[in-house]
Amino acid sequence: MPSLPDGQDAPLSADPRTIPLRRALPALIRDPLGALVGFAEESGGDVVRLNLGTFRPFLVSHPEHLQYVLRDRADNYVRDGRGLLWRPVRRVVGEAILVAEGEVWESSRDALQPLFTAKRAEMLVDRMAEAISEAVDEWDEPARQGRPIDTADELTRIVLRATMRVLFADRISVPDAQRISAALDTVTTSMLPRLLVPFVPYSVPVPGDRAFRAAVRTIDDVVLPIIREARARPGDGDDIISTLCRPRPDGRKPDEYQIRGDVVAMFSTATETTIALLSWLWPVLETQPEVAARLYAEVDRVVGGDRVRREHLGELRYGRMVLDEMLRLYPAGWMIPRTAVADDVLGGVRIKAGATVLVSPYVTQRMPMFWDDPDRFDPERFSPEKPRRRYRYSYFPFGGGPHQCLGQYLFLLEAQIIVSTLLSRFRFRPTEPADLTPRMGASLSPRQRLRVTLSPVQRPVAP
């Protein structure tokens, strides 16, 4: 059992257990996710250091230590935009809510918080369901023709339609949103080399740099004119862009660059998280036939041939359990790096100021110490009848502490509506075997772009 966060039940170690360079680097290059899980299991949940040459981060995997880093001492473990692992993100969003700390972060969060309360999210359900249903209507033609669809492209289109209407008041058109989303996807893949070799200075080109810069220019070409128009014609709208263009609750008047960063950050979190999560739906349905059958049966019973409505969501219990299990095995935010501000002791290990601490929902949520048969897809883990988990931070797909995802409640509602709408109207047959191998980047998504053919659900006609 690892030592407690304050280090009082174990001797203080100036030399923590370290995975040597000859093991760490080849393993991370070969299979980064598997290597991180293996290192955490090998350490038994203790804080362990990874020797990657000049870069030697600490891997933190035990829920008690995670709570200490993300919540109890969040002021000492910060998202340093100048840190090695955050620099690629900062190049996209600047000093935005996604990477900022202190007063800048508080100012943006206080402005956006009212848009994401549970009460407001409930009020948006029907509008969101309408937008989703309209987007899914476009599947009727390929279904009639027996023409396969690309699930990644189509899911992106559905999420963008709903999000642009509900959160951005259609200030960003769906075609423009698709340009931003494609650029963010390029950013995600092109920044991976920088994430794997964060010790390489930016003066040294690495693969992906040119594509990264082109994608950022595309984002600016779309977003900046919209922001300038919103600032020139301020209003009292309750969408994200209108809110960010007004003076902040603390009186701050953000400049164009700050607004641009916050808009891009919110666009990304409001769309890419949902897209990444639901991209696992079809591989899961294909590889888990019992789960698929039960999920279809629930949707048929609750929704039938109707449009998904607010009152349906409380009855779609198994669907929510499936989403929770997808978030456990495939969390979109798979890595949460932090930088220590001051010297500290974590689990009996001395952490020096400036050290990088790696926190990974993917790792902790797959450790046998905290989950029985962790690699098995089992929605029953999240049954309301199950005993409460021993550790709060054994499951934290949306992060934790003050930086926990602002819109997690709304995004889960959106995911439920999308899944229920799709399954109430169609059955799916993949054109090739499903592959659950993840693709790493800023978000975690399937490596395979799955294509499926659609069959409309046949329902008896009332006499």
Protein backbone atom coordinates (compact mmCIF):
# COMPACT_ATOMS: atom_id res chain seq x y z
CA MET A 1 0.00 0.00 0.00
CA PRO A 2 1.51 3.36 -0.96
CA SER A 3 2.21 6.01 1.60
CA LEU A 4 -0.26 8.78 2.24
CA PRO A 5 0.19 12.11 0.49
CA ASP A 6 1.74 13.87 3.46
CA GLY A 7 4.48 11.25 3.58
CA GLN A 8 4.17 10.73 7.33
CA ASP A 9 3.68 6.97 7.20
CA ALA A 10 6.80 6.25 5.15
CA PRO A 11 10.43 7.38 5.25
CA LEU A 12 11.20 10.44 3.18
CA SER A 13 13.07 9.43 0.04
CA ALA A 14 15.33 11.90 -1.74
CA ASP A 15 15.89 9.21 -4.39
CA PRO A 16 12.48 7.85 -5.41
CA ARG A 17 12.07 4.65 -7.33
CA THR A 18 13.09 5.39 -10.91
CA ILE A 19 12.39 3.59 -14.18
CA PRO A 20 15.80 3.75 -15.92
CA LEU A 21 16.22 5.35 -19.33
CA ARG A 22 17.06 2.06 -21.03
CA ARG A 23 13.59 0.74 -20.06
CA ALA A 24 11.45 3.85 -19.96
CA LEU A 25 12.20 5.44 -23.32
CA PRO A 26 11.93 2.32 -25.56
CA ALA A 27 8.72 1.25 -23.78
CA LEU A 28 7.12 4.67 -24.17
CA ILE A 29 8.05 4.86 -27.84
CA ARG A 30 6.72 1.36 -28.51
CA ASP A 31 3.46 1.57 -26.55
CA PRO A 32 3.07 4.78 -24.52
CA LEU A 33 -0.26 3.96 -22.88
CA GLY A 34 0.60 0.37 -22.07
CA ALA A 35 3.99 1.43 -20.73
CA LEU A 36 2.49 4.00 -18.35
CA VAL A 37 -0.03 1.49 -17.00
CA GLY A 38 2.76 -1.07 -16.59
CA PHE A 39 5.01 1.36 -14.70
CA ALA A 40 2.15 2.29 -12.36
CA GLU A 41 1.27 -1.34 -11.65
CA GLU A 42 4.91 -2.22 -11.12
CA SER A 43 5.23 0.56 -8.55
CA GLY A 44 2.17 -0.66 -6.64
CA GLY A 45 0.70 2.84 -6.76
CA ASP A 46 3.80 4.52 -5.33
CA VAL A 47 5.06 7.72 -6.90
CA VAL A 48 7.65 6.68 -9.48
CA ARG A 49 10.07 8.70 -11.57
CA LEU A 50 10.60 8.14 -15.29
CA ASN A 51 14.12 8.74 -16.54
CA LEU A 52 13.77 10.17 -20.04
CA GLY A 53 17.18 11.74 -20.17
CA THR A 54 17.03 15.45 -19.38
CA PHE A 55 13.29 15.14 -18.69
CA ARG A 56 12.41 13.14 -15.55
CA PRO A 57 8.74 13.45 -14.63
CA PHE A 58 6.99 11.77 -11.71
CA LEU A 59 4.13 9.39 -12.51
CA VAL A 60 1.34 9.66 -9.90
CA SER A 61 -1.32 6.95 -10.01
CA HIS A 62 -2.75 6.30 -6.52
CA PRO A 63 -6.11 8.03 -5.90
CA GLU A 64 -4.99 9.47 -2.56
CA HIS A 65 -1.99 11.09 -4.22
CA LEU A 66 -4.15 12.26 -7.12
CA GLN A 67 -6.54 13.98 -4.73
CA TYR A 68 -3.59 15.71 -3.12
CA VAL A 69 -2.23 16.97 -6.45
CA LEU A 70 -5.52 17.90 -8.15
CA ARG A 71 -7.54 19.17 -5.19
CA ASP A 72 -5.86 19.48 -1.80
CA ARG A 73 -2.68 21.18 -3.09
CA ALA A 74 -3.88 22.36 -6.48
CA ASP A 75 -2.18 25.69 -5.77
CA ASN A 76 1.20 23.93 -5.79
CA TYR A 77 0.62 21.70 -8.82
CA VAL A 78 -0.28 23.99 -11.67
CA ARG A 79 -0.84 23.88 -15.42
CA ASP A 80 2.32 25.71 -16.34
CA GLY A 81 1.79 27.04 -19.87
CA ARG A 82 5.56 27.32 -20.18
CA GLY A 83 6.09 23.76 -19.01
CA LEU A 84 7.39 21.19 -21.43
CA LEU A 85 4.14 19.25 -21.80
CA TRP A 86 1.78 22.25 -21.87
CA ARG A 87 3.72 24.27 -24.43
CA PRO A 88 2.08 22.65 -27.50
CA VAL A 89 -1.37 23.41 -26.07
CA ARG A 90 -0.38 26.96 -25.23
CA ARG A 91 0.69 27.51 -28.84
CA VAL A 92 -2.95 26.90 -29.84
CA VAL A 93 -4.93 28.70 -27.14
CA GLY A 94 -2.48 31.18 -25.62
CA GLU A 95 -3.21 32.27 -22.04
CA ALA A 96 -6.71 30.79 -22.15
CA ILE A 97 -8.87 29.09 -19.55
CA LEU A 98 -7.47 25.73 -20.67
CA VAL A 99 -3.92 26.50 -19.52
CA ALA A 100 -4.06 29.71 -17.49
CA GLU A 101 -3.78 29.89 -13.70
CA GLY A 102 -4.48 32.49 -11.04
CA GLU A 103 -6.48 35.62 -11.78
CA VAL A 104 -6.59 35.09 -15.56
CA TRP A 105 -8.10 31.62 -15.16
CA GLU A 106 -10.51 32.75 -12.44
CA SER A 107 -11.71 35.65 -14.58
CA SER A 108 -12.55 33.42 -17.56
CA ARG A 109 -14.06 30.68 -15.43
CA ASP A 110 -16.28 33.09 -13.49
CA ALA A 111 -17.57 34.51 -16.77
CA LEU A 112 -18.39 31.08 -18.23
CA GLN A 113 -19.62 29.28 -15.10
CA PRO A 114 -23.26 30.47 -15.40
CA LEU A 115 -23.48 28.92 -18.86
CA PHE A 116 -22.78 25.43 -17.50
CA THR A 117 -24.86 25.07 -14.35
CA ALA A 118 -26.94 21.91 -14.02
CA LYS A 119 -30.13 23.97 -14.11
CA ARG A 120 -29.21 25.66 -17.38
CA ALA A 121 -28.04 22.37 -18.88
CA GLU A 122 -31.45 20.84 -18.16
CA MET A 123 -33.10 23.80 -19.91
CA LEU A 124 -30.99 23.19 -23.03
CA VAL A 125 -31.85 19.50 -23.41
CA ASP A 126 -34.82 19.90 -25.74
CA ARG A 127 -33.02 22.41 -27.99
CA MET A 128 -30.05 20.11 -28.15
CA ALA A 129 -32.23 17.09 -28.92
CA GLU A 130 -33.89 18.99 -31.75
CA ALA A 131 -30.55 19.93 -33.33
CA ILE A 132 -29.27 16.37 -32.98
CA SER A 133 -32.43 14.91 -34.51
CA GLU A 134 -32.16 17.28 -37.48
CA ALA A 135 -28.55 16.25 -38.04
CA VAL A 136 -29.42 12.55 -37.86
CA ASP A 137 -32.19 13.10 -40.45
CA GLU A 138 -29.42 13.31 -43.03
CA TRP A 139 -28.71 9.61 -42.50
CA ASP A 140 -32.05 8.62 -44.04
CA GLU A 141 -30.66 8.83 -47.59
CA PRO A 142 -27.52 6.68 -47.10
CA ALA A 143 -29.69 4.22 -45.18
CA ARG A 144 -32.09 3.91 -48.13
CA GLN A 145 -29.22 3.56 -50.58
CA GLY A 146 -27.24 1.10 -48.43
CA ARG A 147 -24.29 3.48 -48.68
CA PRO A 148 -21.70 3.22 -45.86
CA ILE A 149 -20.98 6.27 -43.74
CA ASP A 150 -17.76 7.28 -42.03
CA THR A 151 -18.65 7.32 -38.34
CA ALA A 152 -15.92 9.81 -37.42
CA ASP A 153 -17.04 12.38 -40.01
CA GLU A 154 -20.73 11.94 -39.25
CA LEU A 155 -20.34 12.05 -35.50
CA THR A 156 -18.32 15.25 -35.83
CA ARG A 157 -21.06 16.82 -37.94
CA ILE A 158 -23.78 15.88 -35.42
CA VAL A 159 -21.85 17.20 -32.41
CA LEU A 160 -20.95 20.42 -34.21
CA ARG A 161 -24.56 21.04 -35.26
CA ALA A 162 -25.79 20.67 -31.67
CA THR A 163 -22.94 22.58 -30.02
CA MET A 164 -22.92 25.52 -32.42
CA ARG A 165 -26.65 26.02 -31.89
CA VAL A 166 -26.84 25.53 -28.14
CA LEU A 167 -23.55 27.01 -26.91
CA PHE A 168 -22.50 29.35 -29.71
CA ALA A 169 -25.93 30.56 -30.92
CA ASP A 170 -24.92 29.69 -34.50
CA ARG A 171 -22.34 32.51 -34.52
CA ILE A 172 -20.01 29.87 -35.97
CA SER A 173 -21.62 28.14 -38.95
CA VAL A 174 -21.41 24.36 -39.20
CA PRO A 175 -19.08 24.52 -42.24
CA ASP A 176 -16.76 26.90 -40.36
CA ALA A 177 -17.00 24.71 -37.28
CA GLN A 178 -15.95 21.76 -39.44
CA ARG A 179 -12.90 23.73 -40.57
CA ILE A 180 -11.96 24.46 -36.96
CA SER A 181 -12.57 20.85 -35.94
CA ALA A 182 -10.42 19.53 -38.79
CA ALA A 183 -7.67 21.97 -37.83
CA LEU A 184 -7.88 20.87 -34.18
CA ASP A 185 -7.64 17.26 -35.31
CA THR A 186 -4.47 18.16 -37.20
CA VAL A 187 -3.17 19.92 -34.10
CA THR A 188 -3.89 16.80 -32.04
CA THR A 189 -1.90 14.51 -34.29
CA SER A 190 0.89 16.93 -35.18
CA MET A 191 1.63 17.83 -31.55
CA LEU A 192 2.18 14.18 -30.58
CA PRO A 193 5.91 14.19 -31.43
CA ARG A 194 6.33 17.17 -29.10
CA LEU A 195 4.48 15.33 -26.32
CA LEU A 196 6.71 12.28 -26.73
CA VAL A 197 9.94 14.30 -26.75
CA PRO A 198 9.10 17.38 -24.64
CA PHE A 199 12.78 17.98 -23.89
CA VAL A 200 13.51 18.90 -27.54
CA PRO A 201 13.69 22.73 -27.84
CA TYR A 202 11.30 24.47 -30.23
CA SER A 203 14.25 25.80 -32.20
CA VAL A 204 14.74 22.22 -33.41
CA PRO A 205 12.10 21.20 -35.99
CA VAL A 206 10.30 17.92 -35.42
CA PRO A 207 7.76 16.11 -37.64
CA GLY A 208 4.38 17.78 -37.50
CA ASP A 209 5.54 21.35 -36.82
CA ARG A 210 4.59 22.67 -40.28
CA ALA A 211 1.12 21.05 -40.18
CA PHE A 212 0.64 22.43 -36.67
CA ARG A 213 1.34 26.00 -37.75
CA ALA A 214 -0.95 25.73 -40.77
CA ALA A 215 -3.78 24.40 -38.58
CA VAL A 216 -3.42 27.31 -36.14
CA ARG A 217 -3.62 29.78 -39.04
CA THR A 218 -6.84 28.12 -40.21
CA ILE A 219 -8.38 28.46 -36.76
CA ASP A 220 -7.46 32.15 -36.62
CA ASP A 221 -8.88 32.77 -40.09
CA VAL A 222 -12.28 31.53 -38.88
CA VAL A 223 -12.40 32.71 -35.28
CA LEU A 224 -10.88 36.19 -35.30
CA PRO A 225 -13.40 37.80 -37.72
CA ILE A 226 -16.28 36.42 -35.64
CA ILE A 227 -14.78 37.81 -32.44
CA ARG A 228 -14.18 41.21 -34.03
CA GLU A 229 -17.78 41.40 -35.16
CA ALA A 230 -19.05 40.38 -31.72
CA ARG A 231 -16.88 43.02 -30.04
CA ALA A 232 -18.03 45.68 -32.48
CA ARG A 233 -21.69 44.82 -31.79
CA PRO A 234 -21.85 43.81 -28.13
CA GLY A 235 -25.13 42.36 -26.93
CA ASP A 236 -26.64 40.51 -24.03
CA GLY A 237 -26.61 37.04 -25.62
CA ASP A 238 -25.93 34.06 -23.39
CA ASP A 239 -23.76 32.17 -25.87
CA ILE A 240 -20.06 31.57 -25.27
CA ILE A 241 -18.74 34.21 -27.68
CA SER A 242 -21.07 36.98 -26.48
CA THR A 243 -20.21 36.15 -22.87
CA LEU A 244 -16.46 36.20 -23.47
CA CYS A 245 -16.61 39.50 -25.39
CA ARG A 246 -18.19 41.36 -22.47
CA PRO A 247 -16.23 42.71 -19.48
CA ARG A 248 -15.60 39.95 -16.97
CA PRO A 249 -17.34 39.76 -13.57
CA ASP A 250 -14.14 41.07 -11.95
CA GLY A 251 -14.14 44.12 -14.24
CA ARG A 252 -11.40 42.88 -16.57
CA LYS A 253 -11.75 43.81 -20.24
CA PRO A 254 -10.02 41.03 -22.15
CA ASP A 255 -8.23 41.83 -25.37
CA GLU A 256 -8.83 40.08 -28.68
CA TYR A 257 -6.05 37.57 -28.09
CA GLN A 258 -7.45 36.50 -24.70
CA ILE A 259 -10.96 36.12 -26.13
CA ARG A 260 -9.63 34.16 -29.09
CA GLY A 261 -7.83 31.75 -26.77
CA ASP A 262 -10.88 31.20 -24.58
CA VAL A 263 -13.17 30.71 -27.59
CA VAL A 264 -10.85 28.11 -29.12
CA ALA A 265 -10.43 26.37 -25.76
CA MET A 266 -14.19 26.21 -25.19
CA PHE A 267 -14.85 25.10 -28.76
CA SER A 268 -12.34 22.30 -28.30
CA THR A 269 -13.62 21.09 -24.94
CA ALA A 270 -17.28 21.43 -25.95
CA THR A 271 -16.86 19.39 -29.13
CA GLU A 272 -13.71 17.29 -29.15
CA THR A 273 -14.41 15.67 -25.77
CA THR A 274 -17.84 14.47 -26.89
CA ILE A 275 -16.57 13.39 -30.31
CA ALA A 276 -13.66 11.49 -28.79
CA LEU A 277 -15.89 9.72 -26.27
CA LEU A 278 -18.62 8.72 -28.73
CA SER A 279 -16.13 7.59 -31.36
CA TRP A 280 -15.78 4.47 -29.20
CA LEU A 281 -19.53 3.70 -29.42
CA TRP A 282 -19.45 1.68 -32.64
CA PRO A 283 -16.38 -0.44 -31.77
CA VAL A 284 -17.95 -1.16 -28.38
CA LEU A 285 -21.32 -2.14 -29.91
CA GLU A 286 -19.55 -4.42 -32.37
CA THR A 287 -17.25 -6.13 -29.87
CA GLN A 288 -19.74 -6.29 -26.97
CA PRO A 289 -22.92 -7.88 -28.39
CA GLU A 290 -24.53 -8.39 -24.98
CA VAL A 291 -24.01 -4.74 -24.09
CA ALA A 292 -25.36 -3.71 -27.50
CA ALA A 293 -28.49 -5.84 -27.13
CA ARG A 294 -29.29 -4.46 -23.70
CA LEU A 295 -28.63 -0.90 -24.82
CA TYR A 296 -30.88 -1.23 -27.86
CA ALA A 297 -33.63 -2.79 -25.73
CA GLU A 298 -33.55 0.11 -23.27
CA VAL A 299 -33.67 2.73 -26.00
CA ASP A 300 -36.54 0.95 -27.75
CA ARG A 301 -38.49 0.73 -24.49
CA VAL A 302 -37.92 4.31 -23.34
CA VAL A 303 -37.69 6.31 -26.56
CA GLY A 304 -39.37 4.10 -29.12
CA GLY A 305 -39.94 6.06 -32.30
CA ASP A 306 -40.15 9.44 -30.54
CA ARG A 307 -37.60 12.21 -30.43
CA VAL A 308 -35.48 12.01 -27.27
CA ARG A 309 -36.89 14.37 -24.66
CA ARG A 310 -35.74 15.61 -21.29
CA GLU A 311 -37.99 13.22 -19.40
CA HIS A 312 -36.44 10.21 -21.17
CA LEU A 313 -32.95 10.76 -19.79
CA GLY A 314 -33.68 9.63 -16.25
CA GLU A 315 -34.96 6.29 -17.59
CA LEU A 316 -31.96 5.66 -19.84
CA ARG A 317 -29.96 4.27 -16.93
CA TYR A 318 -28.06 1.53 -18.74
CA GLY A 319 -27.07 3.96 -21.47
CA ARG A 320 -25.51 6.22 -18.86
CA MET A 321 -23.66 3.23 -17.37
CA VAL A 322 -22.26 2.42 -20.82
CA LEU A 323 -21.02 6.00 -21.21
CA ASP A 324 -19.41 5.90 -17.77
CA GLU A 325 -17.59 2.68 -18.65
CA MET A 326 -16.43 4.16 -21.96
CA LEU A 327 -15.08 7.12 -20.01
CA ARG A 328 -13.25 4.75 -17.68
CA LEU A 329 -11.51 2.77 -20.40
CA TYR A 330 -11.13 5.55 -22.97
CA PRO A 331 -10.98 8.95 -21.23
CA ALA A 332 -10.58 11.73 -23.80
CA GLY A 333 -8.23 13.66 -21.49
CA TRP A 334 -5.81 10.79 -20.96
CA MET A 335 -2.92 12.87 -19.58
CA ILE A 336 -2.99 15.78 -17.09
CA PRO A 337 0.52 17.18 -16.53
CA ARG A 338 1.22 19.46 -13.61
CA THR A 339 4.25 21.47 -12.52
CA ALA A 340 5.29 21.82 -8.86
CA VAL A 341 5.54 25.46 -7.78
CA ALA A 342 7.39 24.78 -4.54
CA ASP A 343 9.22 21.88 -2.92
CA ASP A 344 6.83 19.30 -1.51
CA VAL A 345 6.53 15.74 -0.26
CA LEU A 346 4.18 13.40 -2.09
CA GLY A 347 3.80 9.82 -0.93
CA GLY A 348 7.12 9.93 0.88
CA VAL A 349 8.87 11.25 -2.21
CA ARG A 350 10.52 14.64 -2.30
CA ILE A 351 9.19 16.74 -5.18
CA LYS A 352 11.40 19.67 -6.13
CA ALA A 353 10.02 22.98 -7.36
CA GLY A 354 9.74 22.91 -11.15
CA ALA A 355 9.30 19.14 -11.33
CA THR A 356 6.71 17.73 -13.73
CA VAL A 357 4.03 15.47 -12.28
CA LEU A 358 2.10 13.22 -14.68
CA VAL A 359 -1.49 12.37 -13.78
CA SER A 360 -3.39 10.04 -16.11
CA PRO A 361 -7.04 8.96 -15.81
CA TYR A 362 -6.26 6.27 -18.38
CA VAL A 363 -3.60 4.77 -16.11
CA THR A 364 -5.42 4.85 -12.77
CA GLN A 365 -8.71 3.71 -14.28
CA ARG A 366 -7.02 0.57 -15.64
CA MET A 367 -5.11 -0.48 -12.53
CA PRO A 368 -6.07 -3.83 -10.90
CA MET A 369 -5.44 -2.26 -7.49
CA PHE A 370 -8.62 -0.23 -7.92
CA TRP A 371 -10.70 -2.10 -10.53
CA ASP A 372 -11.54 -5.79 -10.83
CA ASP A 373 -10.59 -7.19 -14.24
CA PRO A 374 -9.90 -3.62 -15.39
CA ASP A 375 -9.52 -4.33 -19.12
CA ARG A 376 -12.99 -5.87 -19.39
CA PHE A 377 -15.81 -3.64 -20.65
CA ASP A 378 -18.44 -3.91 -17.90
CA PRO A 379 -21.07 -1.16 -17.50
CA GLU A 380 -22.36 -2.89 -14.36
CA ARG A 381 -19.45 -1.32 -12.48
CA PHE A 382 -21.53 1.87 -12.53
CA SER A 383 -24.85 0.39 -11.51
CA PRO A 384 -26.54 2.58 -8.86
CA GLU A 385 -26.90 -0.57 -6.76
CA LYS A 386 -23.15 -1.13 -6.58
CA PRO A 387 -21.31 -0.10 -3.39
CA ARG A 388 -19.64 3.27 -3.50
CA ARG A 389 -16.03 3.19 -4.72
CA ARG A 390 -13.43 3.34 -1.97
CA TYR A 391 -11.42 6.10 -3.64
CA ARG A 392 -12.98 9.21 -5.13
CA TYR A 393 -10.05 9.65 -7.52
CA SER A 394 -9.98 6.08 -8.82
CA TYR A 395 -12.36 7.48 -11.48
CA PHE A 396 -11.79 11.01 -12.72
CA PRO A 397 -12.31 11.19 -16.51
CA PHE A 398 -13.04 14.92 -16.32
CA GLY A 399 -10.11 15.77 -14.06
CA GLY A 400 -10.61 16.97 -10.52
CA GLY A 401 -10.34 19.83 -8.10
CA PRO A 402 -10.82 23.45 -9.18
CA HIS A 403 -9.84 22.62 -12.79
CA GLN A 404 -12.43 19.88 -13.21
CA CYS A 405 -14.12 20.16 -16.61
CA LEU A 406 -16.58 23.04 -16.51
CA GLY A 407 -19.13 21.49 -18.86
CA GLN A 408 -19.03 17.83 -17.86
CA TYR A 409 -22.71 17.70 -16.87
CA LEU A 410 -23.90 19.23 -20.15
CA PHE A 411 -21.55 17.08 -22.22
CA LEU A 412 -22.85 13.88 -20.63
CA LEU A 413 -26.42 14.95 -21.36
CA GLU A 414 -25.43 15.62 -24.96
CA ALA A 415 -23.75 12.23 -25.24
CA GLN A 416 -26.85 10.49 -23.87
CA ILE A 417 -29.08 12.30 -26.35
CA ILE A 418 -26.85 11.46 -29.31
CA VAL A 419 -26.54 7.77 -28.42
CA SER A 420 -30.25 7.41 -27.76
CA THR A 421 -31.22 9.26 -30.95
CA LEU A 422 -28.93 7.14 -33.12
CA LEU A 423 -29.96 3.82 -31.60
CA SER A 424 -33.66 4.62 -31.66
CA ARG A 425 -33.54 5.15 -35.43
CA PHE A 426 -30.86 2.86 -36.85
CA ARG A 427 -29.00 -0.40 -36.52
CA PHE A 428 -25.36 -0.46 -37.62
CA ARG A 429 -23.23 -3.00 -39.46
CA PRO A 430 -19.49 -2.27 -39.72
CA THR A 431 -17.88 -2.81 -43.11
CA GLU A 432 -14.78 -4.28 -41.42
CA PRO A 433 -13.87 -5.79 -38.03
CA ALA A 434 -13.82 -3.22 -35.23
CA ASP A 435 -10.47 -2.25 -33.71
CA LEU A 436 -10.27 -0.84 -30.18
CA THR A 437 -6.65 0.30 -30.48
CA PRO A 438 -6.44 3.91 -29.27
CA ARG A 439 -4.91 6.81 -31.15
CA MET A 440 -3.01 9.14 -28.86
CA GLY A 441 -3.04 12.89 -29.08
CA ALA A 442 -4.47 15.70 -27.00
CA SER A 443 -7.58 13.45 -26.87
CA LEU A 444 -7.87 9.69 -26.97
CA SER A 445 -9.84 8.22 -29.88
CA PRO A 446 -9.86 4.96 -31.87
CA ARG A 447 -7.05 4.58 -34.37
CA GLN A 448 -9.48 3.01 -36.83
CA ARG A 449 -11.92 5.14 -38.83
CA LEU A 450 -14.87 2.77 -38.83
CA ARG A 451 -17.42 2.77 -41.66
CA VAL A 452 -20.89 1.32 -41.13
CA THR A 453 -24.01 0.66 -43.13
CA LEU A 454 -27.35 1.73 -41.69
CA SER A 455 -30.63 -0.12 -41.33
CA PRO A 456 -33.67 1.92 -40.22
CA VAL A 457 -35.41 0.50 -37.16
CA GLN A 458 -38.66 -1.12 -38.27
CA ARG A 459 -41.52 -0.43 -35.88
CA PRO A 460 -45.02 -1.88 -36.04
CA VAL A 461 -47.61 0.44 -37.50
CA ALA A 462 -50.46 1.20 -35.11
CA PRO A 463 -53.82 -0.15 -36.34
